[in-house]
Structure formats: C-alpha cells, structure tokens
C-alpha cells in the first residue's frame, strides 16, 4: 500500500529532524522502496529515525505513516 499511495513528494524527509541533522533518514525513500529488500531499506534510509512522527502527522498529504513503518523495520530481525 505504501508504494502505491506514496507520491514521492519528499515532504516527510524535508521535515525530518534527523535528516536535517545529516542522518541517512529518508522516509520518502522507505515508503517508495519497501517492496525491494526491507533489510536494505532499513539499513540505508530508516536508520536514525527518532520516532518523532512529524513525517506522519504533519508532512504526508496522503496520510501514510512513515514513522511507524521505519520503527517496524528497525525492530525487524536482520
């Protein structure tokens, strides 16, 4: 559902405090590339997520939940 609904507008990434501080956290890439390899997606773009939920509550125009998805990826066994 995430890949189909995500428009790739990058608002979630632009608002992300971790990304603004130079972390490799890019919620829009996680949402668009999840169908590929979840482990690669988690290590490449979900790292550094602080769980602040700004991407979910303020940035996403289609009301997706990137913060929850990135938290799930971080908790998944490698």
PDB file of N, CA and C in Angstrom:
ATOM      1  N   UNK A   1       0.822  -1.194   0.000  1.00  0.00           N
ATOM      2  CA  UNK A   1       0.000   0.000   0.000  1.00  0.00           C
ATOM      3  C   UNK A   1       0.866   1.257   0.000  1.00  0.00           C
ATOM      4  N   UNK A   2       1.970   1.238   0.742  1.00  0.00           N
ATOM      5  CA  UNK A   2       2.816   2.424   0.859  1.00  0.00           C
ATOM      6  C   UNK A   2       3.350   2.859  -0.495  1.00  0.00           C
ATOM      7  N   UNK A   3       3.868   1.910  -1.258  1.00  0.00           N
ATOM      8  CA  UNK A   3       4.433   2.273  -2.548  1.00  0.00           C
ATOM      9  C   UNK A   3       3.362   2.794  -3.486  1.00  0.00           C
ATOM     10  N   UNK A   4       2.196   2.191  -3.471  1.00  0.00           N
ATOM     11  CA  UNK A   4       1.125   2.612  -4.361  1.00  0.00           C
ATOM     12  C   UNK A   4       0.602   3.992  -4.009  1.00  0.00           C
ATOM     13  N   UNK A   5       0.551   4.324  -2.723  1.00  0.00           N
ATOM     14  CA  UNK A   5      -0.036   5.582  -2.291  1.00  0.00           C
ATOM     15  C   UNK A   5       0.963   6.726  -2.197  1.00  0.00           C
ATOM     16  N   UNK A   6       2.228   6.429  -1.939  1.00  0.00           N
ATOM     17  CA  UNK A   6       3.222   7.488  -1.755  1.00  0.00           C
ATOM     18  C   UNK A   6       3.468   8.212  -3.084  1.00  0.00           C
ATOM     19  N   UNK A   7       3.377   9.523  -3.024  1.00  0.00           N
ATOM     20  CA  UNK A   7       3.588  10.337  -4.220  1.00  0.00           C
ATOM     21  C   UNK A   7       5.043  10.708  -4.423  1.00  0.00           C
ATOM     22  N   UNK A   8       5.879  10.440  -3.428  1.00  0.00           N
ATOM     23  CA  UNK A   8       7.293  10.783  -3.530  1.00  0.00           C
ATOM     24  C   UNK A   8       7.557  12.270  -3.425  1.00  0.00           C
ATOM     25  N   UNK A   9       6.700  12.986  -2.717  1.00  0.00           N
ATOM     26  CA  UNK A   9       6.826  14.447  -2.647  1.00  0.00           C
ATOM     27  C   UNK A   9       7.991  14.893  -1.769  1.00  0.00           C
ATOM     28  N   UNK A  10       8.512  14.025  -0.920  1.00  0.00           N
ATOM     29  CA  UNK A  10       9.643  14.267  -0.038  1.00  0.00           C
ATOM     30  C   UNK A  10       9.342  15.208   1.129  1.00  0.00           C
ATOM     31  N   UNK A  11       8.100  15.563   1.349  1.00  0.00           N
ATOM     32  CA  UNK A  11       7.771  16.435   2.484  1.00  0.00           C
ATOM     33  C   UNK A  11       8.170  15.788   3.795  1.00  0.00           C
ATOM     34  N   UNK A  12       7.958  14.479   3.905  1.00  0.00           N
ATOM     35  CA  UNK A  12       8.300  13.771   5.139  1.00  0.00           C
ATOM     36  C   UNK A  12       9.799  13.850   5.421  1.00  0.00           C
ATOM     37  N   UNK A  13      10.599  13.723   4.389  1.00  0.00           N
ATOM     38  CA  UNK A  13      12.048  13.794   4.554  1.00  0.00           C
ATOM     39  C   UNK A  13      12.493  15.216   4.854  1.00  0.00           C
ATOM     40  N   UNK A  14      11.944  16.183   4.159  1.00  0.00           N
ATOM     41  CA  UNK A  14      12.326  17.575   4.376  1.00  0.00           C
ATOM     42  C   UNK A  14      12.005  18.050   5.792  1.00  0.00           C
ATOM     43  N   UNK A  15      10.959  17.518   6.398  1.00  0.00           N
ATOM     44  CA  UNK A  15      10.560  17.912   7.749  1.00  0.00           C
ATOM     45  C   UNK A  15      11.275  17.097   8.833  1.00  0.00           C
ATOM     46  N   UNK A  16      11.911  16.019   8.463  1.00  0.00           N
ATOM     47  CA  UNK A  16      12.543  15.104   9.417  1.00  0.00           C
ATOM     48  C   UNK A  16      13.735  15.756  10.129  1.00  0.00           C
ATOM     49  N   UNK A  17      13.683  15.863  11.470  1.00  0.00           N
ATOM     50  CA  UNK A  17      14.804  16.452  12.209  1.00  0.00           C
ATOM     51  C   UNK A  17      16.099  15.653  12.057  1.00  0.00           C
ATOM     52  N   UNK A  18      16.003  14.335  12.003  1.00  0.00           N
ATOM     53  CA  UNK A  18      17.208  13.509  11.833  1.00  0.00           C
ATOM     54  C   UNK A  18      17.854  13.800  10.479  1.00  0.00           C
ATOM     55  N   UNK A  19      17.067  13.885   9.429  1.00  0.00           N
ATOM     56  CA  UNK A  19      17.604  14.175   8.094  1.00  0.00           C
ATOM     57  C   UNK A  19      18.229  15.565   8.063  1.00  0.00           C
ATOM     58  N   UNK A  20      17.583  16.526   8.708  1.00  0.00           N
ATOM     59  CA  UNK A  20      18.112  17.898   8.748  1.00  0.00           C
ATOM     60  C   UNK A  20      19.455  17.966   9.468  1.00  0.00           C
ATOM     61  N   UNK A  21      19.706  17.017  10.363  1.00  0.00           N
ATOM     62  CA  UNK A  21      20.977  16.984  11.085  1.00  0.00           C
ATOM     63  C   UNK A  21      22.006  16.081  10.422  1.00  0.00           C
ATOM     64  N   UNK A  22      21.711  15.615   9.226  1.00  0.00           N
ATOM     65  CA  UNK A  22      22.681  14.848   8.455  1.00  0.00           C
ATOM     66  C   UNK A  22      22.584  13.335   8.577  1.00  0.00           C
ATOM     67  N   UNK A  23      21.552  12.823   9.248  1.00  0.00           N
ATOM     68  CA  UNK A  23      21.360  11.373   9.335  1.00  0.00           C
ATOM     69  C   UNK A  23      20.834  10.842   7.996  1.00  0.00           C
ATOM     70  N   UNK A  24      21.037   9.565   7.722  1.00  0.00           N
ATOM     71  CA  UNK A  24      20.565   8.988   6.459  1.00  0.00           C
ATOM     72  C   UNK A  24      19.081   8.629   6.482  1.00  0.00           C
ATOM     73  N   UNK A  25      18.303   9.345   7.265  1.00  0.00           N
ATOM     74  CA  UNK A  25      16.881   9.054   7.411  1.00  0.00           C
ATOM     75  C   UNK A  25      16.109   9.717   6.274  1.00  0.00           C
ATOM     76  N   UNK A  26      15.493   8.904   5.419  1.00  0.00           N
ATOM     77  CA  UNK A  26      14.727   9.432   4.292  1.00  0.00           C
ATOM     78  C   UNK A  26      13.407   8.674   4.188  1.00  0.00           C
ATOM     79  N   UNK A  27      12.396   9.125   4.939  1.00  0.00           N
ATOM     80  CA  UNK A  27      11.113   8.416   4.949  1.00  0.00           C
ATOM     81  C   UNK A  27      10.498   8.220   3.566  1.00  0.00           C
ATOM     82  N   UNK A  28      10.630   9.201   2.689  1.00  0.00           N
ATOM     83  CA  UNK A  28      10.011   9.049   1.368  1.00  0.00           C
ATOM     84  C   UNK A  28      10.639   7.903   0.588  1.00  0.00           C
ATOM     85  N   UNK A  29      11.930   7.688   0.761  1.00  0.00           N
ATOM     86  CA  UNK A  29      12.590   6.572   0.076  1.00  0.00           C
ATOM     87  C   UNK A  29      12.158   5.236   0.677  1.00  0.00           C
ATOM     88  N   UNK A  30      11.969   5.205   1.992  1.00  0.00           N
ATOM     89  CA  UNK A  30      11.484   3.984   2.632  1.00  0.00           C
ATOM     90  C   UNK A  30      10.112   3.623   2.072  1.00  0.00           C
ATOM     91  N   UNK A  31       9.235   4.608   1.988  1.00  0.00           N
ATOM     92  CA  UNK A  31       7.880   4.361   1.509  1.00  0.00           C
ATOM     93  C   UNK A  31       7.873   3.891   0.055  1.00  0.00           C
ATOM     94  N   UNK A  32       8.758   4.420  -0.754  1.00  0.00           N
ATOM     95  CA  UNK A  32       8.772   4.071  -2.177  1.00  0.00           C
ATOM     96  C   UNK A  32       9.517   2.775  -2.484  1.00  0.00           C
ATOM     97  N   UNK A  33      10.480   2.400  -1.638  1.00  0.00           N
ATOM     98  CA  UNK A  33      11.336   1.259  -1.969  1.00  0.00           C
ATOM     99  C   UNK A  33      11.096   0.035  -1.098  1.00  0.00           C
ATOM    100  N   UNK A  34      10.089   0.053  -0.282  1.00  0.00           N
ATOM    101  CA  UNK A  34       9.861  -1.045   0.649  1.00  0.00           C
ATOM    102  C   UNK A  34       9.659  -2.380  -0.053  1.00  0.00           C
ATOM    103  N   UNK A  35       9.090  -2.377  -1.235  1.00  0.00           N
ATOM    104  CA  UNK A  35       8.839  -3.616  -1.964  1.00  0.00           C
ATOM    105  C   UNK A  35      10.135  -4.337  -2.310  1.00  0.00           C
ATOM    106  N   UNK A  36      11.239  -3.633  -2.337  1.00  0.00           N
ATOM    107  CA  UNK A  36      12.520  -4.239  -2.718  1.00  0.00           C
ATOM    108  C   UNK A  36      12.991  -5.198  -1.625  1.00  0.00           C
ATOM    109  N   UNK A  37      13.952  -4.801  -0.861  1.00  0.00           N
ATOM    110  CA  UNK A  37      14.525  -5.629   0.204  1.00  0.00           C
ATOM    111  C   UNK A  37      14.412  -4.856   1.508  1.00  0.00           C
ATOM    112  N   UNK A  38      13.486  -5.241   2.396  1.00  0.00           N
ATOM    113  CA  UNK A  38      13.276  -4.494   3.638  1.00  0.00           C
ATOM    114  C   UNK A  38      14.542  -4.301   4.470  1.00  0.00           C
ATOM    115  N   UNK A  39      15.431  -5.272   4.491  1.00  0.00           N
ATOM    116  CA  UNK A  39      16.662  -5.125   5.274  1.00  0.00           C
ATOM    117  C   UNK A  39      17.543  -4.021   4.704  1.00  0.00           C
ATOM    118  N   UNK A  40      17.649  -3.965   3.386  1.00  0.00           N
ATOM    119  CA  UNK A  40      18.438  -2.915   2.749  1.00  0.00           C
ATOM    120  C   UNK A  40      17.799  -1.556   2.969  1.00  0.00           C
ATOM    121  N   UNK A  41      16.499  -1.497   2.837  1.00  0.00           N
ATOM    122  CA  UNK A  41      15.776  -0.242   3.051  1.00  0.00           C
ATOM    123  C   UNK A  41      15.996   0.238   4.482  1.00  0.00           C
ATOM    124  N   UNK A  42      15.897  -0.670   5.438  1.00  0.00           N
ATOM    125  CA  UNK A  42      16.062  -0.303   6.850  1.00  0.00           C
ATOM    126  C   UNK A  42      17.460   0.228   7.124  1.00  0.00           C
ATOM    127  N   UNK A  43      18.472  -0.443   6.600  1.00  0.00           N
ATOM    128  CA  UNK A  43      19.835  -0.016   6.887  1.00  0.00           C
ATOM    129  C   UNK A  43      20.219   1.247   6.124  1.00  0.00           C
ATOM    130  N   UNK A  44      19.618   1.471   4.985  1.00  0.00           N
ATOM    131  CA  UNK A  44      20.007   2.599   4.153  1.00  0.00           C
ATOM    132  C   UNK A  44      19.255   3.882   4.504  1.00  0.00           C
ATOM    133  N   UNK A  45      17.937   3.813   4.687  1.00  0.00           N
ATOM    134  CA  UNK A  45      17.147   5.042   4.825  1.00  0.00           C
ATOM    135  C   UNK A  45      16.334   5.157   6.108  1.00  0.00           C
ATOM    136  N   UNK A  46      16.188   4.080   6.862  1.00  0.00           N
ATOM    137  CA  UNK A  46      15.379   4.151   8.076  1.00  0.00           C
ATOM    138  C   UNK A  46      16.225   4.405   9.319  1.00  0.00           C
ATOM    139  N   UNK A  47      17.531   4.284   9.179  1.00  0.00           N
ATOM    140  CA  UNK A  47      18.413   4.490  10.324  1.00  0.00           C
ATOM    141  C   UNK A  47      18.352   5.930  10.812  1.00  0.00           C
ATOM    142  N   UNK A  48      18.389   6.075  12.103  1.00  0.00           N
ATOM    143  CA  UNK A  48      18.379   7.417  12.677  1.00  0.00           C
ATOM    144  C   UNK A  48      17.008   7.967  12.973  1.00  0.00           C
ATOM    145  N   UNK A  49      15.971   7.232  12.627  1.00  0.00           N
ATOM    146  CA  UNK A  49      14.614   7.706  12.902  1.00  0.00           C
ATOM    147  C   UNK A  49      14.427   7.823  14.407  1.00  0.00           C
ATOM    148  N   UNK A  50      13.972   8.971  14.861  1.00  0.00           N
ATOM    149  CA  UNK A  50      13.782   9.195  16.296  1.00  0.00           C
ATOM    150  C   UNK A  50      12.356   8.909  16.732  1.00  0.00           C
ATOM    151  N   UNK A  51      11.471   8.641  15.798  1.00  0.00           N
ATOM    152  CA  UNK A  51      10.086   8.359  16.140  1.00  0.00           C
ATOM    153  C   UNK A  51       9.286   9.598  16.537  1.00  0.00           C
ATOM    154  N   UNK A  52       9.707  10.742  16.071  1.00  0.00           N
ATOM    155  CA  UNK A  52       9.031  11.994  16.442  1.00  0.00           C
ATOM    156  C   UNK A  52       7.652  12.126  15.779  1.00  0.00           C
ATOM    157  N   UNK A  53       7.418  11.373  14.712  1.00  0.00           N
ATOM    158  CA  UNK A  53       6.148  11.344  13.984  1.00  0.00           C
ATOM    159  C   UNK A  53       5.813  12.614  13.212  1.00  0.00           C
ATOM    160  N   UNK A  54       6.750  13.525  13.037  1.00  0.00           N
ATOM    161  CA  UNK A  54       6.484  14.712  12.221  1.00  0.00           C
ATOM    162  C   UNK A  54       6.140  14.317  10.789  1.00  0.00           C
ATOM    163  N   UNK A  55       6.813  13.286  10.288  1.00  0.00           N
ATOM    164  CA  UNK A  55       6.556  12.844   8.913  1.00  0.00           C
ATOM    165  C   UNK A  55       5.129  12.327   8.764  1.00  0.00           C
ATOM    166  N   UNK A  56       4.609  11.729   9.794  1.00  0.00           N
ATOM    167  CA  UNK A  56       3.269  11.155   9.749  1.00  0.00           C
ATOM    168  C   UNK A  56       2.181  12.189   9.998  1.00  0.00           C
ATOM    169  N   UNK A  57       2.332  12.963  11.063  1.00  0.00           N
ATOM    170  CA  UNK A  57       1.252  13.851  11.489  1.00  0.00           C
ATOM    171  C   UNK A  57       1.207  15.193  10.770  1.00  0.00           C
ATOM    172  N   UNK A  58       2.348  15.655  10.226  1.00  0.00           N
ATOM    173  CA  UNK A  58       2.362  16.986   9.628  1.00  0.00           C
ATOM    174  C   UNK A  58       2.745  17.021   8.162  1.00  0.00           C
ATOM    175  N   UNK A  59       3.478  16.028   7.694  1.00  0.00           N
ATOM    176  CA  UNK A  59       4.049  16.140   6.355  1.00  0.00           C
ATOM    177  C   UNK A  59       3.313  15.384   5.263  1.00  0.00           C
ATOM    178  N   UNK A  60       2.772  14.219   5.551  1.00  0.00           N
ATOM    179  CA  UNK A  60       2.247  13.355   4.488  1.00  0.00           C
ATOM    180  C   UNK A  60       0.872  13.806   4.011  1.00  0.00           C
ATOM    181  N   UNK A  61       0.780  14.231   2.748  1.00  0.00           N
ATOM    182  CA  UNK A  61      -0.510  14.683   2.227  1.00  0.00           C
ATOM    183  C   UNK A  61      -1.498  13.554   1.960  1.00  0.00           C
ATOM    184  N   UNK A  62      -1.023  12.311   1.916  1.00  0.00           N
ATOM    185  CA  UNK A  62      -1.933  11.183   1.690  1.00  0.00           C
ATOM    186  C   UNK A  62      -2.099  10.338   2.947  1.00  0.00           C
ATOM    187  N   UNK A  63      -1.702  10.886   4.072  1.00  0.00           N
ATOM    188  CA  UNK A  63      -1.917  10.306   5.398  1.00  0.00           C
ATOM    189  C   UNK A  63      -1.328   8.907   5.572  1.00  0.00           C
ATOM    190  N   UNK A  64      -0.120   8.703   5.045  1.00  0.00           N
ATOM    191  CA  UNK A  64       0.613   7.464   5.301  1.00  0.00           C
ATOM    192  C   UNK A  64       1.335   7.597   6.637  1.00  0.00           C
ATOM    193  N   UNK A  65       1.933   6.525   7.106  1.00  0.00           N
ATOM    194  CA  UNK A  65       2.575   6.521   8.408  1.00  0.00           C
ATOM    195  C   UNK A  65       4.030   6.064   8.297  1.00  0.00           C
ATOM    196  N   UNK A  66       4.913   6.913   7.752  1.00  0.00           N
ATOM    197  CA  UNK A  66       6.309   6.503   7.588  1.00  0.00           C
ATOM    198  C   UNK A  66       7.007   6.204   8.911  1.00  0.00           C
ATOM    199  N   UNK A  67       6.693   6.931   9.970  1.00  0.00           N
ATOM    200  CA  UNK A  67       7.368   6.714  11.252  1.00  0.00           C
ATOM    201  C   UNK A  67       7.110   5.307  11.775  1.00  0.00           C
ATOM    202  N   UNK A  68       5.900   4.843  11.697  1.00  0.00           N
ATOM    203  CA  UNK A  68       5.562   3.502  12.163  1.00  0.00           C
ATOM    204  C   UNK A  68       6.262   2.444  11.316  1.00  0.00           C
ATOM    205  N   UNK A  69       6.299   2.653  10.028  1.00  0.00           N
ATOM    206  CA  UNK A  69       6.940   1.704   9.131  1.00  0.00           C
ATOM    207  C   UNK A  69       8.433   1.625   9.414  1.00  0.00           C
ATOM    208  N   UNK A  70       9.070   2.785   9.630  1.00  0.00           N
ATOM    209  CA  UNK A  70      10.511   2.783   9.917  1.00  0.00           C
ATOM    210  C   UNK A  70      10.793   2.142  11.271  1.00  0.00           C
ATOM    211  N   UNK A  71       9.917   2.331  12.251  1.00  0.00           N
ATOM    212  CA  UNK A  71      10.078   1.686  13.551  1.00  0.00           C
ATOM    213  C   UNK A  71       9.964   0.166  13.411  1.00  0.00           C
ATOM    214  N   UNK A  72       9.015  -0.292  12.600  1.00  0.00           N
ATOM    215  CA  UNK A  72       8.860  -1.724  12.359  1.00  0.00           C
ATOM    216  C   UNK A  72      10.102  -2.310  11.701  1.00  0.00           C
ATOM    217  N   UNK A  73      10.681  -1.569  10.753  1.00  0.00           N
ATOM    218  CA  UNK A  73      11.888  -2.036  10.079  1.00  0.00           C
ATOM    219  C   UNK A  73      13.072  -2.101  11.042  1.00  0.00           C
ATOM    220  N   UNK A  74      13.164  -1.133  11.937  1.00  0.00           N
ATOM    221  CA  UNK A  74      14.257  -1.104  12.901  1.00  0.00           C
ATOM    222  C   UNK A  74      14.148  -2.264  13.887  1.00  0.00           C
ATOM    223  N   UNK A  75      12.926  -2.673  14.208  1.00  0.00           N
ATOM    224  CA  UNK A  75      12.705  -3.772  15.150  1.00  0.00           C
ATOM    225  C   UNK A  75      12.793  -5.147  14.514  1.00  0.00           C
ATOM    226  N   UNK A  76      12.749  -5.195  13.191  1.00  0.00           N
ATOM    227  CA  UNK A  76      12.762  -6.497  12.496  1.00  0.00           C
ATOM    228  C   UNK A  76      14.126  -7.166  12.642  1.00  0.00           C
ATOM    229  N   UNK A  77      14.124  -8.488  12.786  1.00  0.00           N
ATOM    230  CA  UNK A  77      15.403  -9.198  12.864  1.00  0.00           C
ATOM    231  C   UNK A  77      16.145  -9.123  11.545  1.00  0.00           C
ATOM    232  N   UNK A  78      17.457  -9.047  11.615  1.00  0.00           N
ATOM    233  CA  UNK A  78      18.271  -8.946  10.390  1.00  0.00           C
ATOM    234  C   UNK A  78      18.469 -10.305   9.763  1.00  0.00           C
TER     235      UNK A  78
END
